[in-house]
């Protein structure tokens, strides 16, 4: 499966391959789902660091990033502050 994904992945496909050696066969789908959800929503829970590639491009790039997350990636409002009171 890994070879097929690597051979056919498009440049925009963000994928990770993780092996669950040492776990029981029946728990592997649950672990993979949990890791996948965490990876999918990682940028929702991370505040942009001042030295990040996006932050170095200036305030408009930061606003554009959060607008992209809100409107295109997630479809719900993503807060631009450390503490969000919109909920």
N, C-alpha and C. Protein backbone atom coordinates (compact mmCIF):
# COMPACT_ATOMS: atom_id res chain seq x y z
N UNK A 1 0.82 -1.18 0.00
CA UNK A 1 0.00 0.00 0.00
C UNK A 1 0.88 1.25 0.00
N UNK A 2 1.93 1.24 0.80
CA UNK A 2 2.83 2.38 0.87
C UNK A 2 3.42 2.72 -0.49
N UNK A 3 3.85 1.71 -1.22
CA UNK A 3 4.43 1.93 -2.55
C UNK A 3 3.41 2.53 -3.51
N UNK A 4 2.17 2.08 -3.44
CA UNK A 4 1.12 2.59 -4.32
C UNK A 4 0.86 4.07 -4.02
N UNK A 5 0.78 4.42 -2.75
CA UNK A 5 0.54 5.82 -2.37
C UNK A 5 1.70 6.70 -2.82
N UNK A 6 2.90 6.27 -2.56
CA UNK A 6 4.08 7.06 -2.96
C UNK A 6 4.16 7.23 -4.47
N UNK A 7 3.82 6.20 -5.21
CA UNK A 7 3.91 6.26 -6.66
C UNK A 7 2.82 7.12 -7.30
N UNK A 8 1.68 7.24 -6.64
CA UNK A 8 0.54 7.92 -7.24
C UNK A 8 0.11 9.20 -6.55
N UNK A 9 0.82 9.62 -5.53
CA UNK A 9 0.42 10.81 -4.79
C UNK A 9 0.60 12.07 -5.63
N UNK A 10 -0.39 12.94 -5.57
CA UNK A 10 -0.28 14.23 -6.24
C UNK A 10 0.50 15.18 -5.34
N UNK A 11 1.04 16.27 -5.88
CA UNK A 11 1.81 17.22 -5.06
C UNK A 11 0.99 17.84 -3.93
N UNK A 12 -0.33 17.91 -4.08
CA UNK A 12 -1.16 18.53 -3.05
C UNK A 12 -1.63 17.55 -1.98
N UNK A 13 -1.39 16.26 -2.19
CA UNK A 13 -1.80 15.27 -1.20
C UNK A 13 -0.84 15.26 -0.03
N UNK A 14 -1.37 15.52 1.15
CA UNK A 14 -0.56 15.48 2.37
C UNK A 14 -0.85 14.15 3.05
N UNK A 15 0.11 13.26 3.03
CA UNK A 15 -0.11 11.95 3.63
C UNK A 15 1.04 11.60 4.56
N UNK A 16 0.74 10.73 5.50
CA UNK A 16 1.74 10.21 6.43
C UNK A 16 1.60 8.70 6.47
N UNK A 17 2.70 8.03 6.61
CA UNK A 17 2.68 6.57 6.75
C UNK A 17 3.21 6.25 8.13
N UNK A 18 2.40 5.56 8.90
CA UNK A 18 2.76 5.23 10.27
C UNK A 18 2.54 3.75 10.49
N UNK A 19 3.52 3.13 11.04
CA UNK A 19 3.42 1.70 11.34
C UNK A 19 3.06 1.53 12.81
N UNK A 20 2.17 0.61 13.06
CA UNK A 20 1.72 0.35 14.42
C UNK A 20 2.26 -0.99 14.90
N UNK A 21 3.55 -1.21 14.69
CA UNK A 21 4.17 -2.43 15.16
C UNK A 21 4.03 -2.51 16.68
N UNK A 22 3.73 -3.68 17.16
CA UNK A 22 3.59 -3.87 18.60
C UNK A 22 2.17 -3.64 19.10
N UNK A 23 1.25 -3.31 18.19
CA UNK A 23 -0.14 -3.14 18.61
C UNK A 23 -0.96 -4.31 18.06
N UNK A 24 -2.11 -4.52 18.65
CA UNK A 24 -2.97 -5.60 18.20
C UNK A 24 -3.67 -5.21 16.91
N UNK A 25 -3.89 -6.17 16.08
CA UNK A 25 -4.49 -5.96 14.76
C UNK A 25 -5.81 -5.20 14.86
N UNK A 26 -6.63 -5.52 15.82
CA UNK A 26 -7.97 -4.92 15.93
C UNK A 26 -7.92 -3.45 16.37
N UNK A 27 -6.85 -3.02 17.02
CA UNK A 27 -6.78 -1.63 17.47
C UNK A 27 -6.12 -0.72 16.44
N UNK A 28 -5.49 -1.26 15.43
CA UNK A 28 -4.79 -0.43 14.45
C UNK A 28 -5.70 0.55 13.72
N UNK A 29 -6.91 0.17 13.28
CA UNK A 29 -7.78 1.16 12.63
C UNK A 29 -8.17 2.32 13.57
N UNK A 30 -8.36 2.00 14.84
CA UNK A 30 -8.72 3.05 15.81
C UNK A 30 -7.55 4.01 16.00
N UNK A 31 -6.36 3.47 16.14
CA UNK A 31 -5.18 4.31 16.29
C UNK A 31 -4.95 5.17 15.05
N UNK A 32 -5.09 4.57 13.88
CA UNK A 32 -4.90 5.31 12.63
C UNK A 32 -5.92 6.44 12.50
N UNK A 33 -7.15 6.19 12.88
CA UNK A 33 -8.18 7.23 12.83
C UNK A 33 -7.86 8.36 13.78
N UNK A 34 -7.46 8.04 15.00
CA UNK A 34 -7.13 9.08 15.98
C UNK A 34 -5.94 9.91 15.51
N UNK A 35 -4.90 9.28 15.03
CA UNK A 35 -3.74 10.02 14.53
C UNK A 35 -4.13 10.87 13.32
N UNK A 36 -4.97 10.34 12.45
CA UNK A 36 -5.41 11.07 11.27
C UNK A 36 -6.20 12.31 11.64
N UNK A 37 -7.09 12.21 12.61
CA UNK A 37 -7.88 13.36 13.05
C UNK A 37 -6.98 14.41 13.66
N UNK A 38 -6.02 14.00 14.47
CA UNK A 38 -5.09 14.95 15.06
C UNK A 38 -4.28 15.66 13.99
N UNK A 39 -3.84 14.93 12.98
CA UNK A 39 -3.06 15.53 11.89
C UNK A 39 -3.92 16.50 11.09
N UNK A 40 -5.15 16.11 10.80
CA UNK A 40 -6.05 16.94 10.01
C UNK A 40 -6.32 18.28 10.69
N UNK A 41 -6.52 18.27 11.99
CA UNK A 41 -6.86 19.48 12.72
C UNK A 41 -5.67 20.13 13.42
N UNK A 42 -4.47 19.71 13.11
CA UNK A 42 -3.28 20.24 13.78
C UNK A 42 -3.15 21.75 13.63
N UNK A 43 -3.36 22.28 12.42
CA UNK A 43 -3.20 23.72 12.24
C UNK A 43 -4.33 24.52 12.89
N UNK A 44 -5.44 23.87 13.22
CA UNK A 44 -6.52 24.54 13.96
C UNK A 44 -6.08 24.83 15.39
N UNK A 45 -5.32 23.93 15.97
CA UNK A 45 -4.92 24.05 17.37
C UNK A 45 -3.58 24.77 17.56
N UNK A 46 -2.88 25.05 16.48
CA UNK A 46 -1.56 25.68 16.59
C UNK A 46 -1.66 27.17 16.27
N UNK A 47 -1.09 28.00 17.12
CA UNK A 47 -0.99 29.43 16.85
C UNK A 47 0.24 29.63 15.98
N UNK A 48 0.12 30.50 14.98
CA UNK A 48 1.27 30.77 14.12
C UNK A 48 2.42 31.35 14.94
N UNK A 49 3.59 30.80 14.78
CA UNK A 49 4.77 31.31 15.48
C UNK A 49 5.28 32.54 14.73
N UNK A 50 5.87 33.50 15.43
CA UNK A 50 6.36 34.73 14.79
C UNK A 50 7.38 34.47 13.69
N UNK A 51 8.13 33.38 13.79
CA UNK A 51 9.15 33.11 12.78
C UNK A 51 8.70 32.09 11.73
N UNK A 52 7.40 31.79 11.69
CA UNK A 52 6.88 30.85 10.69
C UNK A 52 6.93 31.47 9.30
N UNK A 53 6.89 30.64 8.29
CA UNK A 53 6.93 31.11 6.90
C UNK A 53 5.79 32.09 6.62
N UNK A 54 4.61 31.79 7.12
CA UNK A 54 3.46 32.66 6.90
C UNK A 54 3.62 33.98 7.64
N UNK A 55 4.01 33.92 8.91
CA UNK A 55 4.16 35.14 9.71
C UNK A 55 5.20 36.08 9.14
N UNK A 56 6.26 35.53 8.59
CA UNK A 56 7.32 36.38 8.02
C UNK A 56 6.84 37.15 6.79
N UNK A 57 5.73 36.74 6.20
CA UNK A 57 5.20 37.44 5.03
C UNK A 57 4.36 38.65 5.40
N UNK A 58 4.07 38.81 6.69
CA UNK A 58 3.37 40.01 7.14
C UNK A 58 1.93 39.76 7.56
N UNK A 59 1.29 40.82 8.07
CA UNK A 59 -0.07 40.71 8.63
C UNK A 59 -1.12 40.21 7.64
N UNK A 60 -1.05 40.65 6.39
CA UNK A 60 -2.06 40.21 5.42
C UNK A 60 -1.95 38.71 5.16
N UNK A 61 -0.75 38.18 5.12
CA UNK A 61 -0.56 36.74 4.91
C UNK A 61 -1.14 35.96 6.09
N UNK A 62 -1.00 36.49 7.28
CA UNK A 62 -1.57 35.82 8.47
C UNK A 62 -3.09 35.82 8.38
N UNK A 63 -3.67 36.97 8.06
CA UNK A 63 -5.12 37.05 7.92
C UNK A 63 -5.62 36.12 6.80
N UNK A 64 -4.89 36.09 5.69
CA UNK A 64 -5.26 35.20 4.59
C UNK A 64 -5.21 33.73 5.00
N UNK A 65 -4.21 33.38 5.81
CA UNK A 65 -4.07 32.01 6.30
C UNK A 65 -5.29 31.59 7.11
N UNK A 66 -5.69 32.44 8.05
CA UNK A 66 -6.85 32.10 8.89
C UNK A 66 -8.15 32.13 8.10
N UNK A 67 -8.22 33.00 7.10
CA UNK A 67 -9.40 33.01 6.24
C UNK A 67 -9.47 31.71 5.43
N UNK A 68 -8.33 31.24 4.93
CA UNK A 68 -8.28 29.97 4.21
C UNK A 68 -8.74 28.82 5.12
N UNK A 69 -8.22 28.79 6.35
CA UNK A 69 -8.61 27.73 7.28
C UNK A 69 -10.11 27.78 7.53
N UNK A 70 -10.65 28.97 7.76
CA UNK A 70 -12.07 29.13 8.08
C UNK A 70 -12.98 28.79 6.90
N UNK A 71 -12.66 29.33 5.74
CA UNK A 71 -13.59 29.23 4.62
C UNK A 71 -13.36 28.03 3.71
N UNK A 72 -12.11 27.62 3.55
CA UNK A 72 -11.84 26.56 2.59
C UNK A 72 -11.51 25.21 3.21
N UNK A 73 -10.69 25.21 4.25
CA UNK A 73 -10.27 23.92 4.80
C UNK A 73 -11.31 23.33 5.75
N UNK A 74 -11.80 24.15 6.70
CA UNK A 74 -12.70 23.61 7.72
C UNK A 74 -14.17 23.95 7.51
N UNK A 75 -14.46 25.13 6.97
CA UNK A 75 -15.85 25.52 6.79
C UNK A 75 -16.49 26.08 8.04
N UNK A 76 -15.70 26.39 9.05
CA UNK A 76 -16.18 27.07 10.25
C UNK A 76 -15.10 28.05 10.70
N UNK A 77 -15.50 29.00 11.52
CA UNK A 77 -14.61 30.07 11.95
C UNK A 77 -13.42 29.53 12.73
N UNK A 78 -12.23 29.95 12.34
CA UNK A 78 -11.00 29.60 13.05
C UNK A 78 -10.47 30.89 13.67
N UNK A 79 -10.36 30.89 14.98
CA UNK A 79 -9.96 32.07 15.74
C UNK A 79 -8.51 32.46 15.45
N UNK A 80 -8.26 33.76 15.40
CA UNK A 80 -6.92 34.27 15.12
C UNK A 80 -6.16 34.63 16.39
N UNK A 81 -6.75 34.41 17.54
CA UNK A 81 -6.14 34.80 18.81
C UNK A 81 -5.80 33.57 19.65
N UNK A 82 -5.04 33.82 20.70
CA UNK A 82 -4.72 32.72 21.63
C UNK A 82 -5.97 32.21 22.32
N UNK A 83 -6.87 33.14 22.68
CA UNK A 83 -8.10 32.75 23.36
C UNK A 83 -9.27 33.27 22.52
N UNK A 84 -10.14 32.40 22.12
CA UNK A 84 -11.24 32.76 21.22
C UNK A 84 -12.54 32.81 22.00
N UNK A 85 -13.27 33.90 21.84
CA UNK A 85 -14.53 34.05 22.57
C UNK A 85 -15.75 33.95 21.66
N UNK A 86 -15.55 33.57 20.41
CA UNK A 86 -16.66 33.52 19.46
C UNK A 86 -17.57 32.32 19.71
N UNK A 87 -17.12 31.32 20.44
CA UNK A 87 -17.93 30.13 20.67
C UNK A 87 -18.83 30.38 21.81
